[in-house]
C-alpha cells in the first residue's frame, strides 16, 4: 500500500514543482532515534529499506510497541496530527532508507490531492486495526500464544528483530522468551 502511495506522490512530482521538494530520502544507521518521547512529531516516514520500531519507557524499562518494515509508514500519529508531545520513541533497528515528509508538506498533499488523502486515511485505519489487535492479544492470549502468532503471521519480526525487543513487545522477559522458544 505504501509503495502505491509513493508512486502516486512521484507522479504528482512531475506536475507540481512544490511536490518535487517535499520528498526527502534519508539513510540512517541502526539505533538512530528519529523521534524522542516528549517531542512533537514533525515528520512521517515511509520505509524503503530497513526496520524501525516504536517504543516507550515504562519505569526505566524499554517496551517495544510495534515494528515497521519495508513498504510501511511510521509516525507518532497523535503527536503528528495534533501537535502533542509524543508518548513514544521511533528508532531504527537496522540501517534504513526512508522517505521523510514534513507535517506541513503532508497537509499540503492532503489539501491538494484528494486521492492521496484517501490513501493516507487507509494507512491510519490499518495502523488503528493493528493496535486493536495488539491490545486484544495482550488481554486474551498467553505469551506462548502471542509468540506462536509472531511465528505464523509475522516471521519477519522473528528473523530481523533482536530477541530482547521481541520479549518486550510480547510483554515478557528475555528469559521467559528463551524458555518459550526452547519448548518449541
Protein backbone atom coordinates (compact mmCIF):
# COMPACT_ATOMS: atom_id res chain seq x y z
CA UNK A 1 0.00 0.00 0.00
CA UNK A 2 2.78 2.48 0.87
CA UNK A 3 4.54 1.68 -2.40
CA UNK A 4 1.40 2.63 -4.38
CA UNK A 5 1.11 5.82 -2.34
CA UNK A 6 4.73 6.74 -3.06
CA UNK A 7 4.17 6.01 -6.76
CA UNK A 8 1.22 8.44 -6.75
CA UNK A 9 3.31 11.10 -5.00
CA UNK A 10 6.10 10.61 -7.53
CA UNK A 11 3.61 11.10 -10.40
CA UNK A 12 2.46 14.35 -8.80
CA UNK A 13 6.10 15.46 -8.56
CA UNK A 14 6.10 15.66 -12.35
CA UNK A 15 3.07 18.00 -12.38
CA UNK A 16 3.69 20.19 -9.33
CA UNK A 17 7.11 21.70 -8.65
CA UNK A 18 6.35 22.04 -4.94
CA UNK A 19 5.87 18.28 -4.60
CA UNK A 20 9.37 17.85 -6.04
CA UNK A 21 10.86 19.42 -2.91
CA UNK A 22 8.59 17.61 -0.41
CA UNK A 23 10.19 14.20 -0.64
CA UNK A 24 13.41 13.80 1.30
CA UNK A 25 15.20 10.48 1.06
CA UNK A 26 17.38 9.78 4.08
CA UNK A 27 19.69 6.99 5.14
CA UNK A 28 20.00 6.25 8.85
CA UNK A 29 22.24 3.76 10.67
CA UNK A 30 20.82 1.29 13.18
CA UNK A 31 19.95 2.64 16.62
CA UNK A 32 19.09 6.10 15.24
CA UNK A 33 16.35 7.80 17.24
CA UNK A 34 14.10 9.65 14.77
CA UNK A 35 11.69 10.87 17.46
CA UNK A 36 12.09 11.08 21.24
CA UNK A 37 9.28 10.76 23.76
CA UNK A 38 8.03 14.24 24.65
CA UNK A 39 8.96 15.81 21.30
CA UNK A 40 6.30 16.85 18.82
CA UNK A 41 6.36 14.66 15.71
CA UNK A 42 7.01 16.79 12.63
CA UNK A 43 7.68 14.01 10.07
CA UNK A 44 6.09 10.88 8.73
CA UNK A 45 8.50 8.24 7.43
CA UNK A 46 7.95 5.70 4.66
CA UNK A 47 10.33 2.76 4.83
CA UNK A 48 12.04 1.84 1.57
CA UNK A 49 14.55 -0.49 3.23
CA UNK A 50 15.14 -1.44 6.85
CA UNK A 51 13.32 -1.92 10.11
CA UNK A 52 12.10 0.62 12.67
CA UNK A 53 10.34 0.28 15.97
CA UNK A 54 8.05 2.38 18.10
CA UNK A 55 8.77 2.07 21.83
CA UNK A 56 8.29 3.81 25.15
CA UNK A 57 9.92 3.88 28.55
CA UNK A 58 7.95 2.43 31.48
CA UNK A 59 9.70 2.94 34.80
CA UNK A 60 13.12 2.58 33.18
CA UNK A 61 12.10 -0.41 31.04
CA UNK A 62 12.19 -0.22 27.24
CA UNK A 63 8.83 -1.52 25.90
CA UNK A 64 8.54 -2.19 22.14
CA UNK A 65 5.08 -1.28 20.85
CA UNK A 66 5.35 -2.12 17.17
CA UNK A 67 7.83 -2.95 14.40
CA UNK A 68 7.78 -1.49 10.90
CA UNK A 69 9.35 -2.85 7.72
CA UNK A 70 9.69 -2.09 4.02
CA UNK A 71 6.55 -0.62 2.49
CA UNK A 72 5.17 0.67 5.80
CA UNK A 73 4.80 4.17 7.21
CA UNK A 74 5.61 5.29 10.73
CA UNK A 75 4.99 8.41 12.80
CA UNK A 76 3.75 9.15 16.29
CA UNK A 77 0.29 9.64 14.81
CA UNK A 78 -1.39 11.54 17.66
CA UNK A 79 1.62 13.81 18.00
CA UNK A 80 1.93 14.31 14.24
CA UNK A 81 -1.73 15.12 13.62
CA UNK A 82 -2.48 17.08 16.81
CA UNK A 83 0.85 18.76 17.67
CA UNK A 84 1.02 16.96 21.01
CA UNK A 85 4.14 15.64 22.71
CA UNK A 86 4.84 12.10 21.54
CA UNK A 87 4.28 9.29 24.02
CA UNK A 88 6.70 7.07 22.12
CA UNK A 89 10.13 6.95 20.53
CA UNK A 90 10.85 5.95 16.94
CA UNK A 91 14.17 4.18 16.35
CA UNK A 92 15.85 2.29 13.54
CA UNK A 93 16.75 -1.32 14.31
CA UNK A 94 18.66 -1.82 11.05
CA UNK A 95 20.40 0.61 8.71
CA UNK A 96 17.39 2.06 6.92
CA UNK A 97 16.47 4.00 3.79
CA UNK A 98 13.49 6.26 4.41
CA UNK A 99 11.29 8.80 2.67
CA UNK A 100 10.58 11.69 5.03
CA UNK A 101 7.67 14.10 4.62
CA UNK A 102 7.13 17.05 6.96
CA UNK A 103 3.77 17.77 8.57
CA UNK A 104 3.44 20.97 6.52
CA UNK A 105 4.03 19.06 3.27
CA UNK A 106 1.74 16.23 4.40
CA UNK A 107 -1.04 18.77 4.97
CA UNK A 108 -0.39 20.33 1.55
CA UNK A 109 -0.68 16.91 -0.12
CA UNK A 110 -3.92 16.20 1.76
CA UNK A 111 -5.43 19.56 0.76
CA UNK A 112 -4.40 19.48 -2.88
CA UNK A 113 -4.54 15.79 -3.80
CA UNK A 114 -7.75 14.10 -2.58
CA UNK A 115 -6.67 10.72 -3.98
CA UNK A 116 -3.62 10.82 -1.70
CA UNK A 117 -5.78 11.80 1.28
CA UNK A 118 -7.78 8.58 0.84
CA UNK A 119 -4.55 6.57 0.81
CA UNK A 120 -3.31 8.35 3.95
CA UNK A 121 -6.60 7.58 5.69
CA UNK A 122 -6.31 3.93 4.73
CA UNK A 123 -2.83 3.86 6.29
CA UNK A 124 -4.22 5.32 9.51
CA UNK A 125 -7.09 2.84 9.65
CA UNK A 126 -4.70 -0.06 9.06
CA UNK A 127 -2.48 1.19 11.89
CA UNK A 128 -5.51 1.52 14.19
CA UNK A 129 -6.54 -2.07 13.36
CA UNK A 130 -3.02 -3.27 14.24
CA UNK A 131 -3.17 -1.50 17.60
CA UNK A 132 -6.57 -3.00 18.39
CA UNK A 133 -5.25 -6.49 17.54
CA UNK A 134 -2.21 -5.96 19.74
CA UNK A 135 -4.36 -4.67 22.60
CA UNK A 136 -6.76 -7.62 22.39
CA UNK A 137 -3.89 -10.09 22.14
CA UNK A 138 -2.38 -8.74 25.36
CA UNK A 139 -5.72 -9.30 27.11
CA UNK A 140 -6.77 -12.68 25.77
CA UNK A 141 -3.63 -14.54 24.68
CA UNK A 142 -0.88 -16.13 26.74
CA UNK A 143 2.75 -15.22 25.97
CA UNK A 144 3.10 -18.61 24.22
CA UNK A 145 0.11 -17.81 22.00
CA UNK A 146 1.47 -14.34 21.21
CA UNK A 147 4.83 -15.86 20.26
CA UNK A 148 3.13 -18.52 18.09
CA UNK A 149 1.21 -15.72 16.34
CA UNK A 150 4.50 -13.95 15.58
CA UNK A 151 6.00 -17.11 14.10
CA UNK A 152 2.92 -17.79 11.96
CA UNK A 153 1.86 -14.28 10.95
CA UNK A 154 4.93 -12.07 11.34
CA UNK A 155 8.05 -14.17 10.63
CA UNK A 156 9.96 -11.01 9.60
CA UNK A 157 9.90 -9.93 13.25
CA UNK A 158 11.41 -13.25 14.40
CA UNK A 159 14.09 -13.09 11.68
CA UNK A 160 15.09 -9.42 11.90
CA UNK A 161 14.37 -8.08 15.38
CA UNK A 162 16.67 -8.69 18.39
CA UNK A 163 15.23 -11.06 20.99
CA UNK A 164 15.14 -8.52 23.83
CA UNK A 165 12.90 -6.24 21.71
CA UNK A 166 10.64 -9.18 20.86
CA UNK A 167 10.38 -10.08 24.55
CA UNK A 168 9.34 -6.53 25.48
CA UNK A 169 6.84 -6.49 22.60
CA UNK A 170 5.31 -9.72 23.92
CA UNK A 171 5.21 -8.31 27.46
CA UNK A 172 7.63 -10.85 28.89
CA UNK A 173 11.26 -11.01 29.98
CA UNK A 174 14.02 -12.22 27.64
CA UNK A 175 14.43 -15.27 29.94
CA UNK A 176 10.74 -16.15 29.54
CA UNK A 177 11.06 -15.76 25.78
CA UNK A 178 14.04 -18.09 25.79
CA UNK A 179 12.02 -20.70 27.70
CA UNK A 180 9.10 -20.41 25.27
CA UNK A 181 11.46 -20.78 22.30
CA UNK A 182 13.12 -23.85 23.86
CA UNK A 183 9.73 -25.58 24.28
CA UNK A 184 9.12 -25.47 20.51
